[in-house]
Amino acid sequence: MDKITCIAYLLYKSSKNQDIREKAIQLLNGDVSIRDLKRNINIQANLVIAESLLKKNKIDKDQVQQFAEQFMYQEI
């Protein structure tokens, strides 16, 4: 799994807040960048936690894959 997908997954799972979950899905699909999210005060704390968990390798790759399969848009 790539870094962006993992961060999007961790961000999605870190909150019940619908706005944060929508931003995580947008990040997964490339509609928003990590740089954009770092500028958003409402998401900064969750993003820092997600990045630190990724660095510590505290992530289940199978769950990340399921998340990506469920929320990644496919263009045909």
Protein backbone atom coordinates (compact mmCIF):
# COMPACT_ATOMS: atom_id res chain seq x y z
CA MET A 1 0.00 0.00 0.00
CA ASP A 2 1.19 3.48 -0.76
CA LYS A 3 1.52 6.24 1.82
CA ILE A 4 -1.50 8.26 0.65
CA THR A 5 -3.84 5.26 0.76
CA CYS A 6 -2.66 4.36 4.26
CA ILE A 7 -3.05 7.92 5.54
CA ALA A 8 -6.51 8.19 3.98
CA TYR A 9 -7.50 4.94 5.71
CA LEU A 10 -6.16 6.05 9.10
CA LEU A 11 -7.80 9.45 8.72
CA TYR A 12 -11.13 7.82 7.88
CA LYS A 13 -10.94 5.46 10.86
CA SER A 14 -9.77 8.18 13.27
CA SER A 15 -13.06 10.01 13.44
CA LYS A 16 -16.82 9.68 13.28
CA ASN A 17 -16.95 13.24 11.91
CA GLN A 18 -18.49 13.07 8.43
CA ASP A 19 -16.40 16.00 7.15
CA ILE A 20 -13.15 14.27 8.10
CA ARG A 21 -14.32 11.01 6.53
CA GLU A 22 -15.22 12.82 3.31
CA LYS A 23 -11.78 14.46 3.22
CA ALA A 24 -10.18 11.03 3.68
CA ILE A 25 -12.10 9.69 0.69
CA GLN A 26 -11.15 12.77 -1.33
CA LEU A 27 -7.49 12.18 -0.40
CA LEU A 28 -7.76 8.54 -1.49
CA ASN A 29 -9.13 9.60 -4.87
CA GLY A 30 -6.67 12.43 -5.43
CA ASP A 31 -9.26 15.20 -5.15
CA VAL A 32 -7.33 16.83 -2.29
CA SER A 33 -3.66 16.70 -1.26
CA ILE A 34 -2.02 16.16 2.12
CA ARG A 35 -0.72 19.72 1.86
CA ASP A 36 -4.30 20.98 1.49
CA LEU A 37 -5.41 18.96 4.50
CA LYS A 38 -2.56 20.30 6.63
CA ARG A 39 -3.96 23.79 6.07
CA ASN A 40 -7.37 22.73 7.39
CA ILE A 41 -7.43 23.37 11.16
CA ASN A 42 -10.29 20.90 11.68
CA ILE A 43 -8.26 18.02 10.26
CA GLN A 44 -4.69 18.85 11.33
CA ALA A 45 -4.71 16.87 14.58
CA ASN A 46 -6.18 13.77 12.96
CA LEU A 47 -3.68 14.02 10.11
CA VAL A 48 -0.71 14.23 12.51
CA ILE A 49 -1.95 11.14 14.36
CA ALA A 50 -2.45 9.24 11.09
CA GLU A 51 1.07 10.11 9.91
CA SER A 52 2.62 9.04 13.22
CA LEU A 53 0.74 5.72 13.21
CA LEU A 54 1.96 5.11 9.67
CA LYS A 55 5.57 5.79 10.70
CA LYS A 56 5.20 3.32 13.58
CA ASN A 57 3.78 0.79 11.09
CA LYS A 58 0.65 0.35 13.21
CA ILE A 59 -1.61 -0.50 10.31
CA ASP A 60 -3.41 -3.57 9.00
CA LYS A 61 -2.69 -3.82 5.27
CA ASP A 62 -5.75 -6.00 4.63
CA GLN A 63 -8.07 -3.40 6.13
CA VAL A 64 -6.38 -0.67 4.09
CA GLN A 65 -6.98 -2.68 0.94
CA GLN A 66 -10.65 -3.19 1.81
CA PHE A 67 -11.01 0.54 2.46
CA ALA A 68 -9.43 1.37 -0.91
CA GLU A 69 -11.64 -1.13 -2.74
CA GLN A 70 -14.75 0.30 -1.10
CA PHE A 71 -14.08 4.01 -1.60
CA MET A 72 -11.78 4.41 -4.59
CA TYR A 73 -13.59 5.67 -7.64
CA GLN A 74 -12.85 3.96 -10.90
CA GLU A 75 -12.88 5.92 -14.12
CA ILE A 76 -13.82 3.96 -17.19
